[in-house]
PDB file of N, CA and C in Angstrom:
ATOM      1  N   UNK A   1     -13.656 196.247 -29.239  1.00  0.00           N
ATOM      2  CA  UNK A   1     -14.253 196.002 -27.933  1.00  0.00           C
ATOM      3  C   UNK A   1     -15.033 197.351 -28.463  1.00  0.00           C
ATOM      4  N   UNK A   2     -16.878 196.407 -28.858  1.00  0.00           N
ATOM      5  CA  UNK A   2     -17.481 197.416 -29.373  1.00  0.00           C
ATOM      6  C   UNK A   2     -18.809 196.170 -28.741  1.00  0.00           C
ATOM      7  N   UNK A   3     -19.464 196.915 -27.969  1.00  0.00           N
ATOM      8  CA  UNK A   3     -20.661 196.397 -27.184  1.00  0.00           C
ATOM      9  C   UNK A   3     -21.660 196.072 -28.259  1.00  0.00           C
ATOM     10  N   UNK A   4     -21.930 196.988 -29.104  1.00  0.00           N
ATOM     11  CA  UNK A   4     -22.946 197.086 -29.634  1.00  0.00           C
ATOM     12  C   UNK A   4     -22.927 196.205 -30.900  1.00  0.00           C
ATOM     13  N   UNK A   5     -22.155 195.068 -31.525  1.00  0.00           N
ATOM     14  CA  UNK A   5     -21.843 195.128 -32.189  1.00  0.00           C
ATOM     15  C   UNK A   5     -21.689 193.408 -32.205  1.00  0.00           C
ATOM     16  N   UNK A   6     -22.832 192.450 -32.099  1.00  0.00           N
ATOM     17  CA  UNK A   6     -22.494 190.757 -32.085  1.00  0.00           C
ATOM     18  C   UNK A   6     -21.773 189.988 -32.621  1.00  0.00           C
ATOM     19  N   UNK A   7     -20.526 189.885 -31.202  1.00  0.00           N
ATOM     20  CA  UNK A   7     -19.969 189.024 -31.505  1.00  0.00           C
ATOM     21  C   UNK A   7     -19.880 187.649 -32.409  1.00  0.00           C
ATOM     22  N   UNK A   8     -21.210 187.122 -31.942  1.00  0.00           N
ATOM     23  CA  UNK A   8     -21.846 185.622 -32.272  1.00  0.00           C
ATOM     24  C   UNK A   8     -21.171 184.736 -30.936  1.00  0.00           C
ATOM     25  N   UNK A   9     -20.854 184.865 -29.809  1.00  0.00           N
ATOM     26  CA  UNK A   9     -19.908 184.442 -28.562  1.00  0.00           C
ATOM     27  C   UNK A   9     -21.073 183.967 -27.946  1.00  0.00           C
ATOM     28  N   UNK A  10     -21.443 182.463 -27.432  1.00  0.00           N
ATOM     29  CA  UNK A  10     -22.132 182.433 -26.240  1.00  0.00           C
ATOM     30  C   UNK A  10     -21.698 183.529 -25.424  1.00  0.00           C
ATOM     31  N   UNK A  11     -22.144 184.508 -24.403  1.00  0.00           N
ATOM     32  CA  UNK A  11     -22.572 184.418 -23.773  1.00  0.00           C
ATOM     33  C   UNK A  11     -21.040 185.987 -23.624  1.00  0.00           C
ATOM     34  N   UNK A  12     -21.387 186.761 -24.896  1.00  0.00           N
ATOM     35  CA  UNK A  12     -20.746 186.979 -25.248  1.00  0.00           C
ATOM     36  C   UNK A  12     -20.354 189.033 -24.734  1.00  0.00           C
ATOM     37  N   UNK A  13     -21.584 189.543 -24.719  1.00  0.00           N
ATOM     38  CA  UNK A  13     -21.968 190.219 -23.471  1.00  0.00           C
ATOM     39  C   UNK A  13     -21.724 190.222 -22.300  1.00  0.00           C
ATOM     40  N   UNK A  14     -21.788 189.155 -21.856  1.00  0.00           N
ATOM     41  CA  UNK A  14     -21.347 189.074 -20.175  1.00  0.00           C
ATOM     42  C   UNK A  14     -20.020 189.333 -20.125  1.00  0.00           C
ATOM     43  N   UNK A  15     -19.052 188.600 -21.161  1.00  0.00           N
ATOM     44  CA  UNK A  15     -17.974 187.953 -21.361  1.00  0.00           C
ATOM     45  C   UNK A  15     -16.835 189.886 -21.836  1.00  0.00           C
ATOM     46  N   UNK A  16     -17.488 190.261 -22.394  1.00  0.00           N
ATOM     47  CA  UNK A  16     -17.197 191.658 -22.815  1.00  0.00           C
ATOM     48  C   UNK A  16     -16.996 192.940 -21.818  1.00  0.00           C
ATOM     49  N   UNK A  17     -18.381 192.702 -21.454  1.00  0.00           N
ATOM     50  CA  UNK A  17     -18.550 193.340 -19.774  1.00  0.00           C
ATOM     51  C   UNK A  17     -17.695 193.001 -18.752  1.00  0.00           C
ATOM     52  N   UNK A  18     -17.281 192.024 -18.495  1.00  0.00           N
ATOM     53  CA  UNK A  18     -15.777 191.623 -17.581  1.00  0.00           C
ATOM     54  C   UNK A  18     -14.472 192.036 -17.951  1.00  0.00           C
ATOM     55  N   UNK A  19     -14.370 191.582 -19.848  1.00  0.00           N
ATOM     56  CA  UNK A  19     -13.019 192.509 -20.134  1.00  0.00           C
ATOM     57  C   UNK A  19     -12.841 194.099 -20.283  1.00  0.00           C
ATOM     58  N   UNK A  20     -14.003 194.403 -20.466  1.00  0.00           N
ATOM     59  CA  UNK A  20     -14.228 196.025 -19.848  1.00  0.00           C
ATOM     60  C   UNK A  20     -13.258 196.500 -18.497  1.00  0.00           C
ATOM     61  N   UNK A  21     -14.238 195.905 -18.141  1.00  0.00           N
ATOM     62  CA  UNK A  21     -13.816 196.647 -16.596  1.00  0.00           C
ATOM     63  C   UNK A  21     -12.570 195.388 -16.172  1.00  0.00           C
ATOM     64  N   UNK A  22     -12.196 194.592 -16.669  1.00  0.00           N
ATOM     65  CA  UNK A  22     -10.838 194.153 -16.230  1.00  0.00           C
ATOM     66  C   UNK A  22      -9.669 195.180 -16.760  1.00  0.00           C
ATOM     67  N   UNK A  23      -9.445 196.288 -17.759  1.00  0.00           N
ATOM     68  CA  UNK A  23      -8.884 196.767 -18.702  1.00  0.00           C
ATOM     69  C   UNK A  23      -9.515 198.320 -18.327  1.00  0.00           C
ATOM     70  N   UNK A  24     -10.503 198.684 -17.786  1.00  0.00           N
ATOM     71  CA  UNK A  24     -10.447 200.142 -16.352  1.00  0.00           C
ATOM     72  C   UNK A  24     -10.324 199.523 -15.313  1.00  0.00           C
ATOM     73  N   UNK A  25     -10.009 198.794 -14.750  1.00  0.00           N
ATOM     74  CA  UNK A  25      -9.275 198.141 -13.887  1.00  0.00           C
ATOM     75  C   UNK A  25      -9.877 198.986 -12.048  1.00  0.00           C
ATOM     76  N   UNK A  26     -10.937 199.176 -12.097  1.00  0.00           N
ATOM     77  CA  UNK A  26     -12.392 199.805 -10.994  1.00  0.00           C
ATOM     78  C   UNK A  26     -12.393 198.655  -9.946  1.00  0.00           C
ATOM     79  N   UNK A  27     -11.275 198.387  -8.788  1.00  0.00           N
ATOM     80  CA  UNK A  27     -11.660 197.241  -8.206  1.00  0.00           C
ATOM     81  C   UNK A  27     -13.643 196.818  -7.827  1.00  0.00           C
ATOM     82  N   UNK A  28     -13.682 198.092  -7.846  1.00  0.00           N
ATOM     83  CA  UNK A  28     -15.808 197.741  -7.968  1.00  0.00           C
ATOM     84  C   UNK A  28     -16.197 196.829  -8.653  1.00  0.00           C
ATOM     85  N   UNK A  29     -15.875 197.463 -10.481  1.00  0.00           N
ATOM     86  CA  UNK A  29     -16.565 197.460 -11.730  1.00  0.00           C
ATOM     87  C   UNK A  29     -16.014 195.961 -11.862  1.00  0.00           C
ATOM     88  N   UNK A  30     -14.601 195.457 -11.888  1.00  0.00           N
ATOM     89  CA  UNK A  30     -13.842 194.305 -11.513  1.00  0.00           C
ATOM     90  C   UNK A  30     -15.195 192.801 -10.673  1.00  0.00           C
ATOM     91  N   UNK A  31     -14.668 193.182  -9.301  1.00  0.00           N
ATOM     92  CA  UNK A  31     -15.871 192.660  -8.647  1.00  0.00           C
ATOM     93  C   UNK A  31     -17.242 192.345  -8.784  1.00  0.00           C
ATOM     94  N   UNK A  32     -18.147 193.477  -9.646  1.00  0.00           N
ATOM     95  CA  UNK A  32     -19.367 193.398 -10.782  1.00  0.00           C
ATOM     96  C   UNK A  32     -19.288 192.484 -11.689  1.00  0.00           C
ATOM     97  N   UNK A  33     -18.695 192.397 -12.522  1.00  0.00           N
ATOM     98  CA  UNK A  33     -18.950 192.046 -13.348  1.00  0.00           C
ATOM     99  C   UNK A  33     -17.962 190.343 -13.433  1.00  0.00           C
ATOM    100  N   UNK A  34     -17.220 190.036 -12.360  1.00  0.00           N
ATOM    101  CA  UNK A  34     -16.846 188.341 -12.328  1.00  0.00           C
ATOM    102  C   UNK A  34     -17.818 188.575 -11.776  1.00  0.00           C
ATOM    103  N   UNK A  35     -18.741 188.528 -10.790  1.00  0.00           N
ATOM    104  CA  UNK A  35     -20.245 187.921  -9.883  1.00  0.00           C
ATOM    105  C   UNK A  35     -21.640 187.494 -10.972  1.00  0.00           C
ATOM    106  N   UNK A  36     -21.243 188.601 -12.438  1.00  0.00           N
ATOM    107  CA  UNK A  36     -21.964 188.661 -12.678  1.00  0.00           C
ATOM    108  C   UNK A  36     -22.052 187.240 -13.667  1.00  0.00           C
ATOM    109  N   UNK A  37     -20.508 187.105 -14.354  1.00  0.00           N
ATOM    110  CA  UNK A  37     -20.336 186.238 -15.197  1.00  0.00           C
ATOM    111  C   UNK A  37     -20.410 184.428 -14.403  1.00  0.00           C
ATOM    112  N   UNK A  38     -19.813 184.521 -13.126  1.00  0.00           N
ATOM    113  CA  UNK A  38     -20.292 182.931 -12.246  1.00  0.00           C
ATOM    114  C   UNK A  38     -21.727 182.630 -12.300  1.00  0.00           C
ATOM    115  N   UNK A  39     -22.417 184.517 -11.840  1.00  0.00           N
ATOM    116  CA  UNK A  39     -24.579 184.112 -11.964  1.00  0.00           C
ATOM    117  C   UNK A  39     -24.617 183.504 -12.985  1.00  0.00           C
ATOM    118  N   UNK A  40     -24.158 183.944 -14.151  1.00  0.00           N
ATOM    119  CA  UNK A  40     -24.635 184.235 -15.964  1.00  0.00           C
ATOM    120  C   UNK A  40     -24.168 182.771 -16.033  1.00  0.00           C
ATOM    121  N   UNK A  41     -23.101 182.239 -16.401  1.00  0.00           N
ATOM    122  CA  UNK A  41     -21.529 181.557 -16.737  1.00  0.00           C
ATOM    123  C   UNK A  41     -21.267 179.882 -16.170  1.00  0.00           C
ATOM    124  N   UNK A  42     -21.865 180.465 -14.497  1.00  0.00           N
ATOM    125  CA  UNK A  42     -20.662 179.569 -13.022  1.00  0.00           C
ATOM    126  C   UNK A  42     -19.949 179.228 -13.318  1.00  0.00           C
ATOM    127  N   UNK A  43     -19.423 179.718 -11.927  1.00  0.00           N
ATOM    128  CA  UNK A  43     -17.757 179.769 -11.501  1.00  0.00           C
ATOM    129  C   UNK A  43     -16.558 179.478 -12.462  1.00  0.00           C
ATOM    130  N   UNK A  44     -17.128 177.780 -12.826  1.00  0.00           N
ATOM    131  CA  UNK A  44     -15.655 177.487 -13.731  1.00  0.00           C
ATOM    132  C   UNK A  44     -15.142 178.480 -14.243  1.00  0.00           C
ATOM    133  N   UNK A  45     -16.354 179.213 -15.110  1.00  0.00           N
ATOM    134  CA  UNK A  45     -16.198 180.354 -16.372  1.00  0.00           C
ATOM    135  C   UNK A  45     -15.839 180.999 -16.227  1.00  0.00           C
ATOM    136  N   UNK A  46     -15.971 181.328 -14.732  1.00  0.00           N
ATOM    137  CA  UNK A  46     -16.036 183.191 -14.383  1.00  0.00           C
ATOM    138  C   UNK A  46     -14.363 182.538 -13.843  1.00  0.00           C
ATOM    139  N   UNK A  47     -13.621 181.688 -13.055  1.00  0.00           N
ATOM    140  CA  UNK A  47     -12.448 181.450 -13.260  1.00  0.00           C
ATOM    141  C   UNK A  47     -11.296 181.224 -15.114  1.00  0.00           C
ATOM    142  N   UNK A  48     -12.251 180.286 -15.471  1.00  0.00           N
ATOM    143  CA  UNK A  48     -11.395 180.122 -16.887  1.00  0.00           C
ATOM    144  C   UNK A  48     -11.630 181.408 -18.013  1.00  0.00           C
ATOM    145  N   UNK A  49     -12.440 182.639 -17.546  1.00  0.00           N
ATOM    146  CA  UNK A  49     -12.306 184.185 -18.565  1.00  0.00           C
ATOM    147  C   UNK A  49     -10.774 184.366 -17.686  1.00  0.00           C
ATOM    148  N   UNK A  50     -11.065 184.786 -16.638  1.00  0.00           N
ATOM    149  CA  UNK A  50     -10.478 185.980 -15.986  1.00  0.00           C
ATOM    150  C   UNK A  50      -8.818 185.364 -16.058  1.00  0.00           C
ATOM    151  N   UNK A  51      -9.142 183.842 -16.052  1.00  0.00           N
ATOM    152  CA  UNK A  51      -7.531 183.763 -16.899  1.00  0.00           C
ATOM    153  C   UNK A  51      -6.667 183.491 -18.109  1.00  0.00           C
ATOM    154  N   UNK A  52      -8.588 183.338 -18.706  1.00  0.00           N
ATOM    155  CA  UNK A  52      -7.223 183.509 -20.414  1.00  0.00           C
ATOM    156  C   UNK A  52      -6.822 185.502 -20.237  1.00  0.00           C
ATOM    157  N   UNK A  53      -7.474 186.129 -19.481  1.00  0.00           N
ATOM    158  CA  UNK A  53      -7.702 187.562 -19.403  1.00  0.00           C
ATOM    159  C   UNK A  53      -6.028 188.002 -18.731  1.00  0.00           C
ATOM    160  N   UNK A  54      -5.743 187.533 -17.861  1.00  0.00           N
ATOM    161  CA  UNK A  54      -4.590 187.116 -16.825  1.00  0.00           C
ATOM    162  C   UNK A  54      -3.633 186.641 -18.064  1.00  0.00           C
ATOM    163  N   UNK A  55      -3.448 185.505 -18.583  1.00  0.00           N
ATOM    164  CA  UNK A  55      -2.850 185.201 -19.400  1.00  0.00           C
ATOM    165  C   UNK A  55      -2.594 186.268 -20.380  1.00  0.00           C
ATOM    166  N   UNK A  56      -3.088 187.241 -21.542  1.00  0.00           N
ATOM    167  CA  UNK A  56      -3.400 188.150 -21.890  1.00  0.00           C
ATOM    168  C   UNK A  56      -1.957 188.951 -21.508  1.00  0.00           C
ATOM    169  N   UNK A  57      -2.416 189.241 -20.683  1.00  0.00           N
ATOM    170  CA  UNK A  57      -1.587 190.460 -19.921  1.00  0.00           C
ATOM    171  C   UNK A  57      -0.146 189.589 -19.507  1.00  0.00           C
ATOM    172  N   UNK A  58      -0.256 188.619 -19.315  1.00  0.00           N
ATOM    173  CA  UNK A  58       1.307 188.556 -19.117  1.00  0.00           C
ATOM    174  C   UNK A  58       1.917 187.733 -20.136  1.00  0.00           C
ATOM    175  N   UNK A  59       1.581 187.903 -21.241  1.00  0.00           N
ATOM    176  CA  UNK A  59       1.888 187.851 -22.709  1.00  0.00           C
ATOM    177  C   UNK A  59       2.753 188.911 -23.009  1.00  0.00           C
ATOM    178  N   UNK A  60       1.827 190.145 -22.775  1.00  0.00           N
ATOM    179  CA  UNK A  60       2.392 191.444 -23.453  1.00  0.00           C
ATOM    180  C   UNK A  60       3.372 192.140 -22.301  1.00  0.00           C
ATOM    181  N   UNK A  61       3.050 191.412 -21.213  1.00  0.00           N
ATOM    182  CA  UNK A  61       4.694 192.502 -20.629  1.00  0.00           C
ATOM    183  C   UNK A  61       5.625 191.443 -20.918  1.00  0.00           C
ATOM    184  N   UNK A  62       5.726 190.501 -21.390  1.00  0.00           N
ATOM    185  CA  UNK A  62       6.654 189.117 -21.518  1.00  0.00           C
ATOM    186  C   UNK A  62       7.264 189.802 -22.743  1.00  0.00           C
ATOM    187  N   UNK A  63       7.115 190.541 -23.831  1.00  0.00           N
ATOM    188  CA  UNK A  63       6.847 190.704 -24.820  1.00  0.00           C
ATOM    189  C   UNK A  63       7.175 192.102 -25.110  1.00  0.00           C
ATOM    190  N   UNK A  64       7.145 192.922 -23.927  1.00  0.00           N
ATOM    191  CA  UNK A  64       7.491 194.456 -24.036  1.00  0.00           C
ATOM    192  C   UNK A  64       8.480 193.971 -23.402  1.00  0.00           C
ATOM    193  N   UNK A  65       8.902 193.523 -22.016  1.00  0.00           N
ATOM    194  CA  UNK A  65       9.982 193.260 -21.302  1.00  0.00           C
ATOM    195  C   UNK A  65      11.208 192.993 -22.319  1.00  0.00           C
ATOM    196  N   UNK A  66      10.592 192.055 -23.583  1.00  0.00           N
ATOM    197  CA  UNK A  66      12.202 191.087 -24.115  1.00  0.00           C
ATOM    198  C   UNK A  66      12.500 191.796 -24.998  1.00  0.00           C
ATOM    199  N   UNK A  67      11.218 192.876 -25.601  1.00  0.00           N
ATOM    200  CA  UNK A  67      11.817 193.737 -27.029  1.00  0.00           C
ATOM    201  C   UNK A  67      11.221 193.351 -28.088  1.00  0.00           C
ATOM    202  N   UNK A  68      10.461 192.147 -28.091  1.00  0.00           N
ATOM    203  CA  UNK A  68       9.850 191.407 -29.560  1.00  0.00           C
ATOM    204  C   UNK A  68       9.074 192.666 -30.477  1.00  0.00           C
ATOM    205  N   UNK A  69       9.489 192.372 -31.958  1.00  0.00           N
ATOM    206  CA  UNK A  69       8.885 193.938 -32.404  1.00  0.00           C
ATOM    207  C   UNK A  69       6.616 193.584 -32.333  1.00  0.00           C
ATOM    208  N   UNK A  70       6.761 194.716 -33.031  1.00  0.00           N
ATOM    209  CA  UNK A  70       5.383 194.944 -33.344  1.00  0.00           C
ATOM    210  C   UNK A  70       4.829 194.262 -34.385  1.00  0.00           C
ATOM    211  N   UNK A  71       5.461 194.200 -35.501  1.00  0.00           N
ATOM    212  CA  UNK A  71       5.312 193.376 -36.774  1.00  0.00           C
ATOM    213  C   UNK A  71       5.297 194.280 -37.925  1.00  0.00           C
ATOM    214  N   UNK A  72       4.785 194.679 -39.178  1.00  0.00           N
ATOM    215  CA  UNK A  72       4.577 195.373 -39.596  1.00  0.00           C
ATOM    216  C   UNK A  72       3.511 196.104 -39.774  1.00  0.00           C
ATOM    217  N   UNK A  73       2.360 195.221 -39.423  1.00  0.00           N
ATOM    218  CA  UNK A  73       0.714 195.872 -39.454  1.00  0.00           C
ATOM    219  C   UNK A  73       0.974 196.578 -38.327  1.00  0.00           C
ATOM    220  N   UNK A  74       1.109 196.087 -37.271  1.00  0.00           N
ATOM    221  CA  UNK A  74       0.950 196.408 -35.773  1.00  0.00           C
ATOM    222  C   UNK A  74       2.026 197.678 -35.679  1.00  0.00           C
ATOM    223  N   UNK A  75       3.155 197.654 -36.487  1.00  0.00           N
ATOM    224  CA  UNK A  75       3.606 198.591 -36.309  1.00  0.00           C
ATOM    225  C   UNK A  75       2.747 200.387 -37.123  1.00  0.00           C
ATOM    226  N   UNK A  76       3.082 200.012 -38.269  1.00  0.00           N
ATOM    227  CA  UNK A  76       1.863 200.996 -39.361  1.00  0.00           C
ATOM    228  C   UNK A  76       0.300 201.530 -38.674  1.00  0.00           C
ATOM    229  N   UNK A  77      -0.199 200.586 -38.023  1.00  0.00           N
ATOM    230  CA  UNK A  77      -1.144 200.787 -37.212  1.00  0.00           C
ATOM    231  C   UNK A  77      -1.624 201.603 -35.784  1.00  0.00           C
ATOM    232  N   UNK A  78       0.253 201.575 -35.464  1.00  0.00           N
ATOM    233  CA  UNK A  78      -0.083 202.136 -33.678  1.00  0.00           C
ATOM    234  C   UNK A  78       1.007 203.361 -34.356  1.00  0.00           C
ATOM    235  N   UNK A  79       1.428 203.287 -35.317  1.00  0.00           N
ATOM    236  CA  UNK A  79       2.355 204.152 -35.933  1.00  0.00           C
ATOM    237  C   UNK A  79       2.038 205.814 -35.435  1.00  0.00           C
ATOM    238  N   UNK A  80       0.524 206.299 -35.266  1.00  0.00           N
ATOM    239  CA  UNK A  80       0.283 207.759 -35.025  1.00  0.00           C
ATOM    240  C   UNK A  80      -0.323 207.798 -33.166  1.00  0.00           C
ATOM    241  N   UNK A  81      -0.574 206.301 -33.061  1.00  0.00           N
ATOM    242  CA  UNK A  81      -0.177 206.672 -31.194  1.00  0.00           C
ATOM    243  C   UNK A  81       0.747 206.500 -30.372  1.00  0.00           C
ATOM    244  N   UNK A  82       1.508 205.928 -31.151  1.00  0.00           N
ATOM    245  CA  UNK A  82       3.332 205.512 -30.276  1.00  0.00           C
ATOM    246  C   UNK A  82       3.945 207.515 -30.891  1.00  0.00           C
ATOM    247  N   UNK A  83       3.671 207.908 -31.815  1.00  0.00           N
ATOM    248  CA  UNK A  83       3.983 208.986 -32.184  1.00  0.00           C
ATOM    249  C   UNK A  83       2.971 210.267 -31.265  1.00  0.00           C
ATOM    250  N   UNK A  84       1.943 210.459 -30.658  1.00  0.00           N
ATOM    251  CA  UNK A  84       1.106 211.433 -29.866  1.00  0.00           C
ATOM    252  C   UNK A  84       1.860 210.985 -28.537  1.00  0.00           C
ATOM    253  N   UNK A  85       2.196 210.534 -27.888  1.00  0.00           N
ATOM    254  CA  UNK A  85       2.725 209.882 -26.892  1.00  0.00           C
ATOM    255  C   UNK A  85       4.345 209.576 -27.072  1.00  0.00           C
ATOM    256  N   UNK A  86       4.835 210.004 -27.927  1.00  0.00           N
ATOM    257  CA  UNK A  86       6.320 209.999 -28.200  1.00  0.00           C
ATOM    258  C   UNK A  86       6.706 208.570 -27.862  1.00  0.00           C
ATOM    259  N   UNK A  87       6.371 207.702 -28.160  1.00  0.00           N
ATOM    260  CA  UNK A  87       6.903 206.624 -27.565  1.00  0.00           C
ATOM    261  C   UNK A  87       7.494 205.367 -28.626  1.00  0.00           C
ATOM    262  N   UNK A  88       8.863 204.896 -28.694  1.00  0.00           N
ATOM    263  CA  UNK A  88       9.410 204.562 -29.615  1.00  0.00           C
ATOM    264  C   UNK A  88      11.210 203.636 -29.208  1.00  0.00           C
ATOM    265  N   UNK A  89      11.651 202.635 -29.730  1.00  0.00           N
ATOM    266  CA  UNK A  89      12.186 202.192 -29.309  1.00  0.00           C
ATOM    267  C   UNK A  89      13.842 202.991 -28.654  1.00  0.00           C
ATOM    268  N   UNK A  90      14.502 203.120 -27.576  1.00  0.00           N
ATOM    269  CA  UNK A  90      15.779 203.362 -27.823  1.00  0.00           C
ATOM    270  C   UNK A  90      16.560 203.375 -29.134  1.00  0.00           C
ATOM    271  N   UNK A  91      17.128 204.913 -28.921  1.00  0.00           N
ATOM    272  CA  UNK A  91      18.254 204.736 -29.845  1.00  0.00           C
ATOM    273  C   UNK A  91      19.604 203.594 -30.405  1.00  0.00           C
ATOM    274  N   UNK A  92      19.727 202.428 -31.427  1.00  0.00           N
ATOM    275  CA  UNK A  92      20.285 201.868 -31.218  1.00  0.00           C
ATOM    276  C   UNK A  92      19.769 200.477 -31.209  1.00  0.00           C
ATOM    277  N   UNK A  93      18.108 200.101 -31.056  1.00  0.00           N
ATOM    278  CA  UNK A  93      17.769 198.652 -30.283  1.00  0.00           C
ATOM    279  C   UNK A  93      17.937 198.154 -31.545  1.00  0.00           C
ATOM    280  N   UNK A  94      18.006 196.979 -31.318  1.00  0.00           N
ATOM    281  CA  UNK A  94      18.139 195.939 -31.903  1.00  0.00           C
ATOM    282  C   UNK A  94      19.449 196.029 -33.298  1.00  0.00           C
ATOM    283  N   UNK A  95      20.371 196.879 -32.717  1.00  0.00           N
ATOM    284  CA  UNK A  95      21.999 197.019 -33.768  1.00  0.00           C
ATOM    285  C   UNK A  95      22.693 195.635 -33.099  1.00  0.00           C
TER     286      UNK A  95
END
């Protein structure tokens, strides 16, 4: 997420602001971002955008809960962060 880059997506700036608000999780910011999407794109678009974000969150939780592997690319890309946080698979996972 880089607000300084034009994604080429219609209403990308508005949608990015909503995405950032949802990730940050501050209720006031979320309410303002949802209102902006509804004002600039319409209420149906706001419901769709929040639904898409919610679906991604759901999928991540399911993947985490079932132990789906990261895959080689994400395994390598996240190695440093996981090391700093001390996050790893439990001993014997997947054996």
